[in-house]
Amino acid sequence: MPGTYSKILVYYPDNKRSVAVETLIRTIVDAGYEVIVLTLTARGPFHEELEKKGIRTLSHVLVRKNAWTYFYKHSRFLARFCKKEGINIVLSHLQDANFIAVLSSLFLKAKVTTFRHHDESSFFAEYGERVRLKRNKKEVLIDWFINRFSKKIVVLSEHVKESMIRHERCSEKKIVVCPLIYDFSMYPLPEPAVVYEVRQAHPCNLLLLMVSRFISTKQHLPVFEVVSGLIKEGLSIKIIALDEGPLKLEMEKFVMNRSLGSYIYARV
């Protein structure tokens, strides 16, 4: 078992599969560390896939009525959990889990490293005014808290690091650049029968797939507007938007109001 810090908790919000995060977890396990995975959501495909590899997974779910109560209760649970399990290192991913982990660090002996997966500050600084969008103030506050009180923040590129320093005034000393790693063999190959079935269900010259959460920075609205314009010009084009998110209902209303239900589809 390598080093003193041998028991690691990967703290993750979602229960859906992520090849990048799964690859990271498996790489840590292959290096000889004991890893436990804890999520903020109920058991799902993410847990099932990791358990196939012999990795222990758990979940702790709370109803989110009041955000601050939600974060506080999760932080207290995380602190107790780490103490009970003898966790040496916490690797948290995405901002909800990061916020809770940093808040818990006040009560933890374990070292907390936060993994940041977004670059909203750069997007809004460069394009916010152009697309008439402003960033949510609560998200800005959460980023500030994580930047201020994290000991180490792992980011996915030099661009994100520069953005955090420039737009968020985060200390350069605490930022570590570590690009995502992918085991591409984990991606299943397309099934010709399924591809044929999808194409038959949505006949057109160009069928687009958009796979991204329905949030403002993914820019579904401009994409839908462009597709709408192309359809009006007579092009044979359709788009299937996969995933979910807070703006999904708004995009469904856009499709309905423009009578685009035969061309734009939203699917989970």
C-alpha atoms as a PDB file:
ATOM      1  CA  MET A   1       0.000   0.000   0.000  1.00  0.00           C
ATOM      2  CA  PRO A   2       1.666   3.263  -1.088  1.00  0.00           C
ATOM      3  CA  GLY A   3       2.484   5.976   1.386  1.00  0.00           C
ATOM      4  CA  THR A   4       0.728   7.035   4.562  1.00  0.00           C
ATOM      5  CA  TYR A   5      -2.351   8.358   2.781  1.00  0.00           C
ATOM      6  CA  SER A   6      -3.832   5.057   1.729  1.00  0.00           C
ATOM      7  CA  LYS A   7      -7.609   5.442   2.119  1.00  0.00           C
ATOM      8  CA  ILE A   8      -9.254   7.829  -0.329  1.00  0.00           C
ATOM      9  CA  LEU A   9     -12.837   9.020  -0.601  1.00  0.00           C
ATOM     10  CA  VAL A  10     -14.077  10.156  -4.006  1.00  0.00           C
ATOM     11  CA  TYR A  11     -16.995  12.487  -3.290  1.00  0.00           C
ATOM     12  CA  TYR A  12     -19.261  12.944  -6.286  1.00  0.00           C
ATOM     13  CA  PRO A  13     -22.733  14.479  -6.785  1.00  0.00           C
ATOM     14  CA  ASP A  14     -24.283  12.334  -9.499  1.00  0.00           C
ATOM     15  CA  ASN A  15     -25.277   8.704 -10.005  1.00  0.00           C
ATOM     16  CA  LYS A  16     -24.867   8.742 -13.791  1.00  0.00           C
ATOM     17  CA  ARG A  17     -21.853   7.238 -15.481  1.00  0.00           C
ATOM     18  CA  SER A  18     -18.794   9.367 -16.213  1.00  0.00           C
ATOM     19  CA  VAL A  19     -15.990   7.628 -18.111  1.00  0.00           C
ATOM     20  CA  ALA A  20     -13.510  10.327 -17.065  1.00  0.00           C
ATOM     21  CA  VAL A  21     -14.261  10.017 -13.340  1.00  0.00           C
ATOM     22  CA  GLU A  22     -14.486   6.216 -13.528  1.00  0.00           C
ATOM     23  CA  THR A  23     -11.100   6.103 -15.273  1.00  0.00           C
ATOM     24  CA  LEU A  24      -9.586   8.315 -12.568  1.00  0.00           C
ATOM     25  CA  ILE A  25     -10.993   6.128  -9.787  1.00  0.00           C
ATOM     26  CA  ARG A  26      -9.755   2.915 -11.406  1.00  0.00           C
ATOM     27  CA  THR A  27      -6.311   4.447 -11.939  1.00  0.00           C
ATOM     28  CA  ILE A  28      -6.075   5.319  -8.239  1.00  0.00           C
ATOM     29  CA  VAL A  29      -7.163   1.807  -7.276  1.00  0.00           C
ATOM     30  CA  ASP A  30      -4.625   0.281  -9.697  1.00  0.00           C
ATOM     31  CA  ALA A  31      -1.934   2.347  -7.977  1.00  0.00           C
ATOM     32  CA  GLY A  32      -2.661   0.435  -4.782  1.00  0.00           C
ATOM     33  CA  TYR A  33      -4.902   2.801  -2.857  1.00  0.00           C
ATOM     34  CA  GLU A  34      -8.161   1.859  -1.173  1.00  0.00           C
ATOM     35  CA  VAL A  35     -10.993   3.953  -2.616  1.00  0.00           C
ATOM     36  CA  ILE A  36     -14.545   4.506  -1.412  1.00  0.00           C
ATOM     37  CA  VAL A  37     -17.032   6.439  -3.556  1.00  0.00           C
ATOM     38  CA  LEU A  38     -19.804   8.492  -1.932  1.00  0.00           C
ATOM     39  CA  THR A  39     -22.479  10.365  -3.893  1.00  0.00           C
ATOM     40  CA  LEU A  40     -25.175  12.912  -3.082  1.00  0.00           C
ATOM     41  CA  THR A  41     -27.690  10.968  -5.153  1.00  0.00           C
ATOM     42  CA  ALA A  42     -29.275   7.530  -4.889  1.00  0.00           C
ATOM     43  CA  ARG A  43     -27.654   4.444  -6.360  1.00  0.00           C
ATOM     44  CA  GLY A  44     -27.492   4.385 -10.136  1.00  0.00           C
ATOM     45  CA  PRO A  45     -25.422   3.215 -13.123  1.00  0.00           C
ATOM     46  CA  PHE A  46     -22.320   4.998 -11.764  1.00  0.00           C
ATOM     47  CA  HIS A  47     -22.376   2.889  -8.590  1.00  0.00           C
ATOM     48  CA  GLU A  48     -23.165  -0.324 -10.430  1.00  0.00           C
ATOM     49  CA  GLU A  49     -20.285   0.066 -12.872  1.00  0.00           C
ATOM     50  CA  LEU A  50     -17.726   0.790 -10.145  1.00  0.00           C
ATOM     51  CA  GLU A  51     -18.918  -2.108  -8.006  1.00  0.00           C
ATOM     52  CA  LYS A  52     -18.283  -4.452 -10.937  1.00  0.00           C
ATOM     53  CA  LYS A  53     -14.616  -3.518 -10.442  1.00  0.00           C
ATOM     54  CA  GLY A  54     -14.791  -4.287  -6.722  1.00  0.00           C
ATOM     55  CA  ILE A  55     -14.959  -0.623  -5.660  1.00  0.00           C
ATOM     56  CA  ARG A  56     -17.148   0.141  -2.668  1.00  0.00           C
ATOM     57  CA  THR A  57     -19.829   2.761  -3.316  1.00  0.00           C
ATOM     58  CA  LEU A  58     -22.353   4.489  -1.079  1.00  0.00           C
ATOM     59  CA  SER A  59     -24.874   7.303  -1.318  1.00  0.00           C
ATOM     60  CA  HIS A  60     -26.286   9.833   1.124  1.00  0.00           C
ATOM     61  CA  VAL A  61     -29.417  11.592  -0.116  1.00  0.00           C
ATOM     62  CA  LEU A  62     -31.062  14.655   1.449  1.00  0.00           C
ATOM     63  CA  VAL A  63     -34.101  16.613   0.293  1.00  0.00           C
ATOM     64  CA  ARG A  64     -32.949  20.052  -0.873  1.00  0.00           C
ATOM     65  CA  LYS A  65     -35.521  22.534   0.433  1.00  0.00           C
ATOM     66  CA  ASN A  66     -33.144  25.137   1.824  1.00  0.00           C
ATOM     67  CA  ALA A  67     -29.719  25.210   0.138  1.00  0.00           C
ATOM     68  CA  TRP A  68     -27.704  26.242   3.183  1.00  0.00           C
ATOM     69  CA  THR A  69     -29.369  23.661   5.460  1.00  0.00           C
ATOM     70  CA  TYR A  70     -28.770  21.063   2.757  1.00  0.00           C
ATOM     71  CA  PHE A  71     -25.061  21.895   2.495  1.00  0.00           C
ATOM     72  CA  TYR A  72     -24.589  22.051   6.274  1.00  0.00           C
ATOM     73  CA  LYS A  73     -26.240  18.668   6.899  1.00  0.00           C
ATOM     74  CA  HIS A  74     -24.194  17.049   4.154  1.00  0.00           C
ATOM     75  CA  SER A  75     -20.991  18.560   5.555  1.00  0.00           C
ATOM     76  CA  ARG A  76     -21.684  17.199   9.024  1.00  0.00           C
ATOM     77  CA  PHE A  77     -22.425  13.751   7.595  1.00  0.00           C
ATOM     78  CA  LEU A  78     -19.247  13.835   5.488  1.00  0.00           C
ATOM     79  CA  ALA A  79     -17.140  14.744   8.516  1.00  0.00           C
ATOM     80  CA  ARG A  80     -18.603  11.884  10.572  1.00  0.00           C
ATOM     81  CA  PHE A  81     -18.273   9.470   7.664  1.00  0.00           C
ATOM     82  CA  CYS A  82     -14.590  10.276   7.105  1.00  0.00           C
ATOM     83  CA  LYS A  83     -13.826   9.867  10.788  1.00  0.00           C
ATOM     84  CA  LYS A  84     -15.684   6.543  10.975  1.00  0.00           C
ATOM     85  CA  GLU A  85     -14.048   5.155   7.829  1.00  0.00           C
ATOM     86  CA  GLY A  86     -10.548   6.482   8.566  1.00  0.00           C
ATOM     87  CA  ILE A  87     -10.396   8.497   5.344  1.00  0.00           C
ATOM     88  CA  ASN A  88      -7.037  10.195   4.709  1.00  0.00           C
ATOM     89  CA  ILE A  89      -7.843  12.089   1.517  1.00  0.00           C
ATOM     90  CA  VAL A  90     -11.084  13.454   0.063  1.00  0.00           C
ATOM     91  CA  LEU A  91     -11.204  14.050  -3.699  1.00  0.00           C
ATOM     92  CA  SER A  92     -14.402  15.976  -4.406  1.00  0.00           C
ATOM     93  CA  HIS A  93     -15.809  16.680  -7.874  1.00  0.00           C
ATOM     94  CA  LEU A  94     -18.137  19.402  -9.169  1.00  0.00           C
ATOM     95  CA  GLN A  95     -19.264  22.404  -7.201  1.00  0.00           C
ATOM     96  CA  ASP A  96     -21.973  21.012  -4.900  1.00  0.00           C
ATOM     97  CA  ALA A  97     -19.673  18.276  -3.634  1.00  0.00           C
ATOM     98  CA  ASN A  98     -16.740  20.712  -3.574  1.00  0.00           C
ATOM     99  CA  PHE A  99     -18.653  23.220  -1.450  1.00  0.00           C
ATOM    100  CA  ILE A 100     -19.670  20.518   1.026  1.00  0.00           C
ATOM    101  CA  ALA A 101     -16.158  19.047   1.172  1.00  0.00           C
ATOM    102  CA  VAL A 102     -14.545  22.426   1.816  1.00  0.00           C
ATOM    103  CA  LEU A 103     -17.148  23.221   4.475  1.00  0.00           C
ATOM    104  CA  SER A 104     -16.459  19.820   6.060  1.00  0.00           C
ATOM    105  CA  SER A 105     -12.711  20.478   6.078  1.00  0.00           C
ATOM    106  CA  LEU A 106     -13.315  22.621   9.161  1.00  0.00           C
ATOM    107  CA  PHE A 107     -14.058  19.375  11.021  1.00  0.00           C
ATOM    108  CA  LEU A 108     -11.814  16.968   9.086  1.00  0.00           C
ATOM    109  CA  LYS A 109      -8.344  15.582   9.598  1.00  0.00           C
ATOM    110  CA  ALA A 110      -8.408  14.269   6.037  1.00  0.00           C
ATOM    111  CA  LYS A 111      -6.877  16.408   3.304  1.00  0.00           C
ATOM    112  CA  VAL A 112      -9.428  17.782   0.849  1.00  0.00           C
ATOM    113  CA  THR A 113      -8.660  18.365  -2.835  1.00  0.00           C
ATOM    114  CA  THR A 114     -11.416  19.825  -5.000  1.00  0.00           C
ATOM    115  CA  PHE A 115     -11.775  19.039  -8.721  1.00  0.00           C
ATOM    116  CA  ARG A 116     -13.297  21.800 -10.810  1.00  0.00           C
ATOM    117  CA  HIS A 117     -14.991  20.812 -14.070  1.00  0.00           C
ATOM    118  CA  HIS A 118     -16.326  24.148 -15.365  1.00  0.00           C
ATOM    119  CA  ASP A 119     -15.235  27.552 -16.672  1.00  0.00           C
ATOM    120  CA  GLU A 120     -18.350  29.702 -16.404  1.00  0.00           C
ATOM    121  CA  SER A 121     -16.414  32.848 -15.442  1.00  0.00           C
ATOM    122  CA  SER A 122     -14.541  32.917 -18.734  1.00  0.00           C
ATOM    123  CA  PHE A 123     -17.717  32.257 -20.710  1.00  0.00           C
ATOM    124  CA  PHE A 124     -19.716  35.050 -19.066  1.00  0.00           C
ATOM    125  CA  ALA A 125     -16.804  37.500 -19.210  1.00  0.00           C
ATOM    126  CA  GLU A 126     -16.333  36.943 -22.937  1.00  0.00           C
ATOM    127  CA  TYR A 127     -19.841  36.164 -24.169  1.00  0.00           C
ATOM    128  CA  GLY A 128     -22.306  37.051 -21.409  1.00  0.00           C
ATOM    129  CA  GLU A 129     -23.137  40.518 -22.695  1.00  0.00           C
ATOM    130  CA  ARG A 130     -23.341  39.302 -26.287  1.00  0.00           C
ATOM    131  CA  VAL A 131     -25.860  36.550 -25.478  1.00  0.00           C
ATOM    132  CA  ARG A 132     -27.644  38.671 -22.846  1.00  0.00           C
ATOM    133  CA  LEU A 133     -26.919  36.349 -19.936  1.00  0.00           C
ATOM    134  CA  LYS A 134     -25.671  36.989 -16.409  1.00  0.00           C
ATOM    135  CA  ARG A 135     -24.218  34.358 -14.139  1.00  0.00           C
ATOM    136  CA  ASN A 136     -26.232  33.194 -11.138  1.00  0.00           C
ATOM    137  CA  LYS A 137     -25.055  35.063  -8.027  1.00  0.00           C
ATOM    138  CA  LYS A 138     -25.272  31.965  -5.840  1.00  0.00           C
ATOM    139  CA  GLU A 139     -22.968  30.110  -8.235  1.00  0.00           C
ATOM    140  CA  VAL A 140     -20.494  32.999  -8.057  1.00  0.00           C
ATOM    141  CA  LEU A 141     -20.609  32.892  -4.246  1.00  0.00           C
ATOM    142  CA  ILE A 142     -20.037  29.131  -4.178  1.00  0.00           C
ATOM    143  CA  ASP A 143     -17.052  29.458  -6.522  1.00  0.00           C
ATOM    144  CA  TRP A 144     -15.620  32.225  -4.333  1.00  0.00           C
ATOM    145  CA  PHE A 145     -15.988  30.092  -1.195  1.00  0.00           C
ATOM    146  CA  ILE A 146     -14.337  27.063  -2.796  1.00  0.00           C
ATOM    147  CA  ASN A 147     -11.510  29.159  -4.257  1.00  0.00           C
ATOM    148  CA  ARG A 148     -10.919  30.938  -0.967  1.00  0.00           C
ATOM    149  CA  PHE A 149     -10.915  27.964   1.395  1.00  0.00           C
ATOM    150  CA  SER A 150      -9.675  25.037  -0.734  1.00  0.00           C
ATOM    151  CA  LYS A 151      -6.087  24.037  -0.066  1.00  0.00           C
ATOM    152  CA  LYS A 152      -5.716  22.479  -3.536  1.00  0.00           C
ATOM    153  CA  ILE A 153      -7.924  22.860  -6.617  1.00  0.00           C
ATOM    154  CA  VAL A 154      -7.447  20.567  -9.603  1.00  0.00           C
ATOM    155  CA  VAL A 155      -8.493  22.097 -12.936  1.00  0.00           C
ATOM    156  CA  LEU A 156      -8.648  20.471 -16.342  1.00  0.00           C
ATOM    157  CA  SER A 157      -6.590  22.911 -18.416  1.00  0.00           C
ATOM    158  CA  GLU A 158      -4.239  25.889 -18.345  1.00  0.00           C
ATOM    159  CA  HIS A 159      -7.105  27.959 -19.789  1.00  0.00           C
ATOM    160  CA  VAL A 160      -9.295  27.275 -16.742  1.00  0.00           C
ATOM    161  CA  LYS A 161      -6.399  28.094 -14.428  1.00  0.00           C
ATOM    162  CA  GLU A 162      -5.805  31.428 -16.165  1.00  0.00           C
ATOM    163  CA  SER A 163      -9.529  32.174 -16.109  1.00  0.00           C
ATOM    164  CA  MET A 164      -9.748  31.570 -12.356  1.00  0.00           C
ATOM    165  CA  ILE A 165      -6.750  33.807 -11.696  1.00  0.00           C
ATOM    166  CA  ARG A 166      -7.960  36.554 -14.008  1.00  0.00           C
ATOM    167  CA  HIS A 167     -11.709  36.611 -13.435  1.00  0.00           C
ATOM    168  CA  GLU A 168     -12.032  35.144  -9.936  1.00  0.00           C
ATOM    169  CA  ARG A 169      -8.744  36.298  -8.400  1.00  0.00           C
ATOM    170  CA  CYS A 170      -7.997  32.798  -7.145  1.00  0.00           C
ATOM    171  CA  SER A 171      -4.502  32.197  -5.784  1.00  0.00           C
ATOM    172  CA  GLU A 172      -2.284  30.625  -8.434  1.00  0.00           C
ATOM    173  CA  LYS A 173      -0.405  28.656  -5.768  1.00  0.00           C
ATOM    174  CA  LYS A 174      -3.343  26.410  -4.952  1.00  0.00           C
ATOM    175  CA  ILE A 175      -4.295  25.513  -8.556  1.00  0.00           C
ATOM    176  CA  VAL A 176      -3.013  22.273 -10.097  1.00  0.00           C
ATOM    177  CA  VAL A 177      -3.595  21.501 -13.796  1.00  0.00           C
ATOM    178  CA  CYS A 178      -4.493  17.871 -14.452  1.00  0.00           C
ATOM    179  CA  PRO A 179      -6.308  17.078 -17.726  1.00  0.00           C
ATOM    180  CA  LEU A 180      -9.001  14.422 -17.683  1.00  0.00           C
ATOM    181  CA  ILE A 181      -8.012  10.889 -18.614  1.00  0.00           C
ATOM    182  CA  TYR A 182     -10.265   8.498 -20.490  1.00  0.00           C
ATOM    183  CA  ASP A 183     -10.257   4.743 -20.923  1.00  0.00           C
ATOM    184  CA  PHE A 184     -11.871   4.832 -24.356  1.00  0.00           C
ATOM    185  CA  SER A 185     -12.466   1.081 -24.261  1.00  0.00           C
ATOM    186  CA  MET A 186     -15.227   1.831 -21.740  1.00  0.00           C
ATOM    187  CA  TYR A 187     -17.289   3.495 -24.453  1.00  0.00           C
ATOM    188  CA  PRO A 188     -19.528   0.923 -26.152  1.00  0.00           C
ATOM    189  CA  LEU A 189     -19.374   0.735 -29.932  1.00  0.00           C
ATOM    190  CA  PRO A 190     -22.457   1.856 -31.877  1.00  0.00           C
ATOM    191  CA  GLU A 191     -24.990  -0.900 -32.482  1.00  0.00           C
ATOM    192  CA  PRO A 192     -25.932  -0.872 -36.180  1.00  0.00           C
ATOM    193  CA  ALA A 193     -29.464  -2.076 -35.431  1.00  0.00           C
ATOM    194  CA  VAL A 194     -30.034   0.772 -32.948  1.00  0.00           C
ATOM    195  CA  VAL A 195     -28.523   3.351 -35.331  1.00  0.00           C
ATOM    196  CA  TYR A 196     -30.809   2.087 -38.086  1.00  0.00           C
ATOM    197  CA  GLU A 197     -33.831   2.258 -35.743  1.00  0.00           C
ATOM    198  CA  VAL A 198     -33.053   5.870 -34.751  1.00  0.00           C
ATOM    199  CA  ARG A 199     -32.556   6.928 -38.362  1.00  0.00           C
ATOM    200  CA  GLN A 200     -35.816   5.253 -39.385  1.00  0.00           C
ATOM    201  CA  ALA A 201     -37.686   6.994 -36.541  1.00  0.00           C
ATOM    202  CA  HIS A 202     -36.293  10.418 -37.555  1.00  0.00           C
ATOM    203  CA  PRO A 203     -35.929  10.446 -41.364  1.00  0.00           C
ATOM    204  CA  CYS A 204     -33.972  13.453 -42.675  1.00  0.00           C
ATOM    205  CA  ASN A 205     -30.788  14.300 -44.582  1.00  0.00           C
ATOM    206  CA  LEU A 206     -28.937  15.475 -41.456  1.00  0.00           C
ATOM    207  CA  LEU A 207     -29.701  14.129 -37.968  1.00  0.00           C
ATOM    208  CA  LEU A 208     -27.842  15.914 -35.152  1.00  0.00           C
ATOM    209  CA  LEU A 209     -27.283  14.678 -31.599  1.00  0.00           C
ATOM    210  CA  MET A 210     -26.633  17.253 -28.859  1.00  0.00           C
ATOM    211  CA  VAL A 211     -25.454  15.640 -25.623  1.00  0.00           C
ATOM    212  CA  SER A 212     -25.193  18.209 -22.826  1.00  0.00           C
ATOM    213  CA  ARG A 213     -27.080  19.319 -19.743  1.00  0.00           C
ATOM    214  CA  PHE A 214     -29.818  21.894 -20.205  1.00  0.00           C
ATOM    215  CA  ILE A 215     -27.981  24.806 -18.580  1.00  0.00           C
ATOM    216  CA  SER A 216     -27.291  28.302 -19.912  1.00  0.00           C
ATOM    217  CA  THR A 217     -23.621  27.822 -20.745  1.00  0.00           C
ATOM    218  CA  LYS A 218     -24.376  24.853 -23.030  1.00  0.00           C
ATOM    219  CA  GLN A 219     -26.268  27.292 -25.263  1.00  0.00           C
ATOM    220  CA  HIS A 220     -29.206  25.158 -26.333  1.00  0.00           C
ATOM    221  CA  LEU A 221     -31.240  28.232 -27.294  1.00  0.00           C
ATOM    222  CA  PRO A 222     -28.819  29.491 -29.999  1.00  0.00           C
ATOM    223  CA  VAL A 223     -28.496  25.939 -31.337  1.00  0.00           C
ATOM    224  CA  PHE A 224     -32.266  25.512 -31.493  1.00  0.00           C
ATOM    225  CA  GLU A 225     -32.634  28.925 -33.141  1.00  0.00           C
ATOM    226  CA  VAL A 226     -30.074  28.037 -35.826  1.00  0.00           C
ATOM    227  CA  VAL A 227     -31.757  24.693 -36.493  1.00  0.00           C
ATOM    228  CA  SER A 228     -35.134  26.473 -36.637  1.00  0.00           C
ATOM    229  CA  GLY A 229     -33.759  28.908 -39.218  1.00  0.00           C
ATOM    230  CA  LEU A 230     -32.310  26.125 -41.348  1.00  0.00           C
ATOM    231  CA  ILE A 231     -35.626  24.304 -41.288  1.00  0.00           C
ATOM    232  CA  LYS A 232     -37.408  27.464 -42.448  1.00  0.00           C
ATOM    233  CA  GLU A 233     -34.962  27.664 -45.346  1.00  0.00           C
ATOM    234  CA  GLY A 234     -36.116  24.206 -46.398  1.00  0.00           C
ATOM    235  CA  LEU A 235     -33.211  22.061 -45.205  1.00  0.00           C
ATOM    236  CA  SER A 236     -33.969  18.486 -44.175  1.00  0.00           C
ATOM    237  CA  ILE A 237     -32.524  18.576 -40.667  1.00  0.00           C
ATOM    238  CA  LYS A 238     -33.512  17.308 -37.216  1.00  0.00           C
ATOM    239  CA  ILE A 239     -31.859  17.355 -33.788  1.00  0.00           C
ATOM    240  CA  ILE A 240     -32.152  15.117 -30.752  1.00  0.00           C
ATOM    241  CA  ALA A 241     -31.049  16.882 -27.530  1.00  0.00           C
ATOM    242  CA  LEU A 242     -30.072  14.323 -24.889  1.00  0.00           C
ATOM    243  CA  ASP A 243     -29.804  14.789 -21.102  1.00  0.00           C
ATOM    244  CA  GLU A 244     -31.721  16.918 -18.635  1.00  0.00           C
ATOM    245  CA  GLY A 245     -31.300  20.081 -16.560  1.00  0.00           C
ATOM    246  CA  PRO A 246     -33.070  23.183 -15.206  1.00  0.00           C
ATOM    247  CA  LEU A 247     -33.652  24.758 -18.641  1.00  0.00           C
ATOM    248  CA  LYS A 248     -35.170  21.678 -20.253  1.00  0.00           C
ATOM    249  CA  LEU A 249     -38.771  22.843 -19.728  1.00  0.00           C
ATOM    250  CA  GLU A 250     -37.930  26.249 -21.212  1.00  0.00           C
ATOM    251  CA  MET A 251     -36.465  24.612 -24.310  1.00  0.00           C
ATOM    252  CA  GLU A 252     -39.496  22.351 -24.644  1.00  0.00           C
ATOM    253  CA  LYS A 253     -41.711  25.465 -24.607  1.00  0.00           C
ATOM    254  CA  PHE A 254     -39.509  27.015 -27.314  1.00  0.00           C
ATOM    255  CA  VAL A 255     -40.054  23.940 -29.486  1.00  0.00           C
ATOM    256  CA  MET A 256     -43.800  23.930 -28.848  1.00  0.00           C
ATOM    257  CA  ASN A 257     -44.269  27.677 -29.483  1.00  0.00           C
ATOM    258  CA  ARG A 258     -42.489  27.419 -32.845  1.00  0.00           C
ATOM    259  CA  SER A 259     -44.222  24.190 -33.851  1.00  0.00           C
ATOM    260  CA  LEU A 260     -40.892  22.386 -34.118  1.00  0.00           C
ATOM    261  CA  GLY A 261     -42.003  19.182 -32.410  1.00  0.00           C
ATOM    262  CA  SER A 262     -41.387  17.180 -35.588  1.00  0.00           C
ATOM    263  CA  TYR A 263     -37.801  18.438 -35.869  1.00  0.00           C
ATOM    264  CA  ILE A 264     -36.373  18.985 -32.377  1.00  0.00           C
ATOM    265  CA  TYR A 265     -36.620  16.299 -29.698  1.00  0.00           C
ATOM    266  CA  ALA A 266     -35.564  16.423 -26.054  1.00  0.00           C
ATOM    267  CA  ARG A 267     -34.714  13.073 -24.471  1.00  0.00           C
ATOM    268  CA  VAL A 268     -33.250  11.931 -21.179  1.00  0.00           C
END
